[in-house]
Amino acid sequence: MRYARLAVGGRAVWGRVGEQDIELLSSSPLEEADFDVIGSVPRAGAHWLPPVVPPVFYAVGMNYPRHIEHAAELGNAAAVMPDRPEVGYRANNALTGHLSPIVKPAEVEGRFEAEPELVAVIGRTLRHATYEEARKSVFGWTIGNDISARTWQHQDRTFWRSKNSDTFKPMGPWIETDVDALAQTTTLRVNGEVRAAFPTGDMVFDPFDYLVEITKHNTVQPGDVLWMGAESTCQLVPGDTVEVEISGIGVLSNPVHLEGNQR
């Protein structure tokens, strides 16, 4: 099943996505086991929102061996193989939906990059979870594009603007509940050209390892998301269209605009 959030009549509405139409739902499938269908809209022309606004936005870094190796070759002293799963955080203001623009701030110079990521959407409250409890807690899977302004990343003590500026975290287009996400392939395209492709599940630690570790200290809630990192990255410029495809889930597509311009 595919669930999405849409802007309909000036408000956010949950929908169940079909091939041609999207059924509008009376409540969130994350919160209610039973909900009513209250209408429908054509899938073509839908205004897609991020499929969930998480209570907590967890994000993993350096979780693919080839990414770690490449970063080490570039002289990143932090690029070492991790011996345990450690997680970071991102800001909800950075979220934007499928087909909405990624806005590059006018003052950003240097590398402006995309990283294609699998995202786990949590459907149960967890604390001190076992691996099996963590596996069962995932409601479904969506797609993320981790946008980074690398010069800011190196200038600042934290990632507060380099990874958390408005529109820097496209997510969507929907949540897929019926897929073996770790058995898929992730593909990154810019203007239709493949820039990266890799096995989605080729991670150092999988999502359930992270949830076990997180819930030793934090209570995870329904609607929380866990972005799983990427193997590869590529540069973007205004005027590009960037697509992240994860087989079995879908395609997340966003144009890149320069702040203050339409393109």
Foldseek 3Di string as FASTA:
>chain_A
DWKFWFQDPNDIFIWDDDPFKTFTWPDDVLVDVDIDGPGIDTPVPTGGWFRFQAPWEKEFELWFLLQLVVVVVVPDPVSDQDPAGDIDGEDSQQEGEFAAAQEDEQPQDDFKKKFKWKKFFFRAKDALDDLVRLVVRTQFIWIKIFIFRVVVVVVDPDCCPRGHPHNRIYIDRTGDRDDPQQQWKKFKDKQRHTPDIDRNNNTSDDSSSNVNVCNNPDIGHGGYMYIYYHSDMDGDDQPIKMWMDIPPHGIGIHHYHYPPDPD
